[in-house]
Amino acid sequence: MGRQGNSSARGTASGSSSVRKPSAAVYRRRRMVVGGALLLVIALVAGGFALAAAFAGGSQKASSTQPSSTETASNPAASPSAAATPSAAPSATPSPTAPATPTCNQNLVTVSAATDKPAYGPGENPLLTLKVTNGGTVPCEVNIGTSQMEFLVTSGSDRIFSSKDCQASSEDLVKVIAPGASETANFPWSRNRSADGCKAVAAAPGGGGAYYIFTAKLGSRASPKAVFQLN
């Protein structure tokens, strides 16, 4: 009985010592699997960081090229609409039109006649003067052209001379005359006769102390008589 017990004990010890350890190939395969899984995890983590960096870089690039609404408002030149809108041309302010000068009231215009001397010796030619005066209180226009004026010399009922008989042209000459001011026109008379239409007249005015009357006319206005003597 004692031997069998010892034999059984040795058998048990022999059985426990016979458990086999994993071979080196198994360890290698295990290390490869673990290493591959670790590499995959590292790759996934690295890829995630790279993707996040790329997304962040793209966002920064987009924000740097696209102006914000604040930039556009503070810098109108950067706004396409502001650059495309043409600036309005300054409008010209019309200058005020000066009021037109009125035509003189004929009732306030006076016409006078004068000669440079009261009497003329033989060979002396009288200088006839027509004067127009504005008797109103405001400046006004008067036509003192040859179309309106006439220098007329008479002796009694005898019409001696008129400046209109042989007038080459008829022209208007409008002048602005101040209140109380005058315009004058002179005509040297050659002591000759004239006829309507500039017809030839052989006779000449007589001398010998005869008196003549000069009347100045401007339109419908006629001056008082100016008397002078021819010797």
Protein backbone atom coordinates (compact mmCIF):
# COMPACT_ATOMS: atom_id res chain seq x y z
CA MET A 1 0.00 0.00 0.00
CA GLY A 2 2.81 2.38 0.74
CA ARG A 3 4.45 1.88 -2.64
CA GLN A 4 1.28 2.52 -4.52
CA GLY A 5 0.91 5.83 -2.77
CA ASN A 6 4.36 6.89 -3.73
CA SER A 7 3.79 5.79 -7.25
CA SER A 8 0.61 7.82 -7.45
CA ALA A 9 2.39 10.87 -6.11
CA ARG A 10 5.13 10.61 -8.66
CA GLY A 11 2.58 10.25 -11.36
CA THR A 12 0.89 13.41 -10.33
CA ALA A 13 4.13 15.31 -10.21
CA SER A 14 5.11 13.94 -13.52
CA GLY A 15 1.77 15.04 -14.99
CA SER A 16 2.09 18.63 -13.73
CA SER A 17 5.55 18.98 -15.11
CA SER A 18 4.39 17.88 -18.52
CA VAL A 19 2.26 21.19 -19.24
CA ARG A 20 3.73 22.73 -22.46
CA LYS A 21 4.55 26.45 -22.81
CA PRO A 22 3.61 28.38 -26.02
CA SER A 23 6.22 28.19 -28.69
CA ALA A 24 8.30 31.18 -29.96
CA ALA A 25 6.24 31.34 -33.18
CA VAL A 26 3.08 31.89 -31.23
CA TYR A 27 4.71 34.75 -29.32
CA ARG A 28 5.83 36.27 -32.58
CA ARG A 29 2.34 36.07 -34.06
CA ARG A 30 0.87 37.65 -30.93
CA ARG A 31 3.42 40.47 -31.04
CA MET A 32 2.64 41.08 -34.74
CA VAL A 33 -1.10 41.28 -34.10
CA VAL A 34 -0.62 43.68 -31.17
CA GLY A 35 1.90 45.78 -33.14
CA GLY A 36 -0.46 45.99 -36.16
CA ALA A 37 -3.35 47.11 -34.00
CA LEU A 38 -1.13 49.76 -32.38
CA LEU A 39 0.00 51.03 -35.79
CA LEU A 40 -3.63 51.22 -36.96
CA VAL A 41 -4.57 53.25 -33.89
CA ILE A 42 -1.59 55.59 -34.43
CA ALA A 43 -2.51 55.97 -38.10
CA LEU A 44 -6.12 56.78 -37.25
CA VAL A 45 -5.06 59.35 -34.66
CA ALA A 46 -2.54 60.97 -37.03
CA GLY A 47 -5.10 61.05 -39.83
CA GLY A 48 -7.61 62.73 -37.54
CA PHE A 49 -5.10 65.44 -36.59
CA ALA A 50 -4.19 66.00 -40.26
CA LEU A 51 -7.85 66.30 -41.26
CA ALA A 52 -8.55 68.73 -38.45
CA ALA A 53 -5.50 70.85 -39.41
CA ALA A 54 -6.55 70.89 -43.08
CA PHE A 55 -10.07 71.98 -42.17
CA ALA A 56 -8.76 74.72 -39.89
CA GLY A 57 -6.33 75.97 -42.59
CA GLY A 58 -9.10 76.10 -45.20
CA SER A 59 -11.35 78.06 -42.87
CA GLN A 60 -8.59 80.57 -42.14
CA LYS A 61 -7.85 80.98 -45.86
CA ALA A 62 -11.49 81.54 -46.70
CA SER A 63 -11.88 84.11 -43.93
CA SER A 64 -8.75 85.99 -45.06
CA THR A 65 -9.94 86.38 -48.67
CA GLN A 66 -13.58 87.22 -47.97
CA PRO A 67 -14.04 90.65 -46.31
CA SER A 68 -16.41 90.73 -43.43
CA SER A 69 -19.40 93.00 -43.40
CA THR A 70 -17.58 95.27 -40.96
CA GLU A 71 -14.66 95.75 -43.36
CA THR A 72 -16.98 96.49 -46.25
CA ALA A 73 -18.88 99.06 -44.26
CA SER A 74 -15.79 100.78 -42.89
CA ASN A 75 -14.01 100.82 -46.25
CA PRO A 76 -16.49 101.78 -49.00
CA ALA A 77 -13.77 101.58 -51.65
CA ALA A 78 -13.50 97.80 -50.99
CA SER A 79 -17.19 97.32 -51.76
CA PRO A 80 -17.85 96.39 -55.41
CA SER A 81 -21.08 98.38 -55.42
CA ALA A 82 -19.30 101.50 -54.14
CA ALA A 83 -16.55 101.19 -56.77
CA ALA A 84 -19.05 100.68 -59.60
CA THR A 85 -21.27 103.60 -58.66
CA PRO A 86 -20.15 106.73 -60.58
CA SER A 87 -19.88 109.89 -58.61
CA ALA A 88 -22.57 112.38 -59.39
CA ALA A 89 -21.37 115.36 -61.44
CA PRO A 90 -21.79 118.67 -59.64
CA SER A 91 -24.81 120.47 -60.95
CA ALA A 92 -24.15 123.90 -62.34
CA THR A 93 -25.99 126.59 -60.43
CA PRO A 94 -27.65 128.91 -62.93
CA SER A 95 -26.61 132.50 -62.48
CA PRO A 96 -29.46 134.86 -61.74
CA THR A 97 -30.72 136.63 -64.85
CA ALA A 98 -30.44 140.37 -64.66
CA PRO A 99 -33.79 142.10 -65.17
CA ALA A 100 -34.22 143.54 -68.64
CA THR A 101 -33.81 147.29 -68.95
CA PRO A 102 -37.16 148.83 -69.91
CA THR A 103 -37.67 151.01 -72.94
CA CYS A 104 -37.94 154.67 -72.09
CA ASN A 105 -41.41 156.13 -71.80
CA GLN A 106 -41.70 158.51 -74.73
CA ASN A 107 -43.50 161.01 -72.52
CA LEU A 108 -40.41 161.14 -70.29
CA VAL A 109 -37.90 161.54 -73.12
CA THR A 110 -37.01 165.03 -74.23
CA VAL A 111 -35.34 165.95 -77.54
CA SER A 112 -33.56 169.27 -77.95
CA ALA A 113 -31.75 170.99 -80.83
CA ALA A 114 -28.76 173.33 -80.74
CA THR A 115 -26.10 174.84 -82.98
CA ASP A 116 -22.50 175.54 -82.05
CA LYS A 117 -22.90 179.22 -82.93
CA PRO A 118 -25.84 181.60 -83.24
CA ALA A 119 -24.55 183.11 -86.52
CA TYR A 120 -22.15 181.96 -89.26
CA GLY A 121 -20.10 184.02 -91.64
CA PRO A 122 -19.57 183.18 -95.28
CA GLY A 123 -17.88 179.79 -95.66
CA GLU A 124 -18.70 178.67 -92.11
CA ASN A 125 -20.70 175.45 -91.78
CA PRO A 126 -23.09 175.08 -88.85
CA LEU A 127 -22.70 172.09 -86.51
CA LEU A 128 -26.17 170.81 -85.67
CA THR A 129 -26.58 168.90 -82.36
CA LEU A 130 -29.43 166.59 -81.33
CA LYS A 131 -29.68 165.77 -77.62
CA VAL A 132 -31.87 163.10 -75.99
CA THR A 133 -32.51 163.25 -72.22
CA ASN A 134 -34.10 160.66 -69.95
CA GLY A 135 -36.53 162.58 -67.76
CA GLY A 136 -37.61 159.44 -65.82
CA THR A 137 -36.43 158.03 -62.52
CA VAL A 138 -34.97 154.71 -63.75
CA PRO A 139 -32.45 153.79 -66.46
CA CYS A 140 -34.12 152.99 -69.77
CA GLU A 141 -33.27 152.19 -73.38
CA VAL A 142 -33.53 154.67 -76.25
CA ASN A 143 -32.90 153.99 -79.94
CA ILE A 144 -30.75 156.86 -81.13
CA GLY A 145 -29.72 155.26 -84.43
CA THR A 146 -29.99 156.89 -87.85
CA SER A 147 -33.24 154.96 -88.33
CA GLN A 148 -34.85 157.25 -85.74
CA MET A 149 -33.10 160.63 -85.90
CA GLU A 150 -33.48 163.48 -88.37
CA PHE A 151 -31.78 166.87 -88.69
CA LEU A 152 -34.20 169.23 -90.42
CA VAL A 153 -33.46 172.81 -91.57
CA THR A 154 -36.25 175.08 -92.72
CA SER A 155 -36.80 178.75 -93.48
CA GLY A 156 -40.43 179.73 -92.98
CA SER A 157 -42.42 177.28 -95.09
CA ASP A 158 -39.39 176.42 -97.24
CA ARG A 159 -37.93 172.98 -96.53
CA ILE A 160 -34.21 173.53 -97.00
CA PHE A 161 -32.50 170.35 -95.85
CA SER A 162 -33.15 166.93 -94.19
CA SER A 163 -30.49 164.43 -93.19
CA LYS A 164 -32.81 161.60 -94.31
CA ASP A 165 -32.94 162.72 -97.95
CA CYS A 166 -29.53 161.33 -98.89
CA GLN A 167 -28.95 158.96 -95.99
CA ALA A 168 -26.90 156.00 -97.23
CA SER A 169 -28.08 153.51 -94.59
CA SER A 170 -30.56 153.31 -91.76
CA GLU A 171 -29.32 151.70 -88.55
CA ASP A 172 -30.53 151.17 -85.00
CA LEU A 173 -28.40 152.15 -82.02
CA VAL A 174 -29.94 151.35 -78.64
CA LYS A 175 -28.45 153.14 -75.65
CA VAL A 176 -29.23 152.84 -71.95
CA ILE A 177 -29.66 156.31 -70.51
CA ALA A 178 -29.55 156.90 -66.78
CA PRO A 179 -32.14 159.16 -65.12
CA GLY A 180 -31.38 162.79 -65.95
CA ALA A 181 -28.57 161.79 -68.36
CA SER A 182 -28.36 162.62 -72.05
CA GLU A 183 -27.01 161.27 -75.35
CA THR A 184 -26.00 163.59 -78.19
CA ALA A 185 -25.42 163.30 -81.92
CA ASN A 186 -23.75 165.92 -84.13
CA PHE A 187 -24.28 166.65 -87.82
CA PRO A 188 -22.10 169.12 -89.78
CA TRP A 189 -24.36 170.85 -92.33
CA SER A 190 -22.67 171.98 -95.56
CA ARG A 191 -25.18 174.79 -96.21
CA ASN A 192 -26.73 172.88 -99.06
CA ARG A 193 -30.26 172.05 -100.10
CA SER A 194 -31.64 168.53 -100.36
CA ALA A 195 -34.77 166.88 -101.69
CA ASP A 196 -36.65 163.69 -100.84
CA GLY A 197 -35.02 160.69 -102.55
CA CYS A 198 -31.73 162.61 -102.79
CA LYS A 199 -32.81 164.41 -105.95
CA ALA A 200 -30.36 166.96 -107.28
CA VAL A 201 -31.12 170.57 -106.26
CA ALA A 202 -29.25 173.38 -107.98
CA ALA A 203 -30.27 176.23 -105.72
CA ALA A 204 -28.39 176.94 -102.48
CA PRO A 205 -29.67 178.54 -99.30
CA GLY A 206 -29.32 182.29 -99.34
CA GLY A 207 -27.05 184.23 -97.02
CA GLY A 208 -27.08 187.90 -96.34
CA GLY A 209 -28.19 187.53 -92.75
CA ALA A 210 -31.14 185.22 -93.38
CA TYR A 211 -32.47 183.23 -90.41
CA TYR A 212 -32.95 179.47 -90.43
CA ILE A 213 -34.59 177.02 -88.09
CA PHE A 214 -33.08 173.75 -87.02
CA THR A 215 -35.44 171.04 -85.65
CA ALA A 216 -34.10 167.79 -84.21
CA LYS A 217 -36.34 164.71 -84.43
CA LEU A 218 -36.12 161.30 -82.81
CA GLY A 219 -38.88 158.98 -83.91
CA SER A 220 -42.13 160.76 -83.22
CA ARG A 221 -40.49 163.22 -80.85
CA ALA A 222 -39.48 166.67 -82.15
CA SER A 223 -37.42 169.34 -80.44
CA PRO A 224 -38.25 173.00 -79.99
CA LYS A 225 -36.90 175.22 -82.76
CA ALA A 226 -33.27 176.34 -82.69
CA VAL A 227 -32.77 179.54 -84.66
CA PHE A 228 -29.45 180.51 -86.29
CA GLN A 229 -28.29 183.04 -88.89
CA LEU A 230 -26.32 182.62 -92.12
CA ASN A 231 -24.35 185.57 -93.44
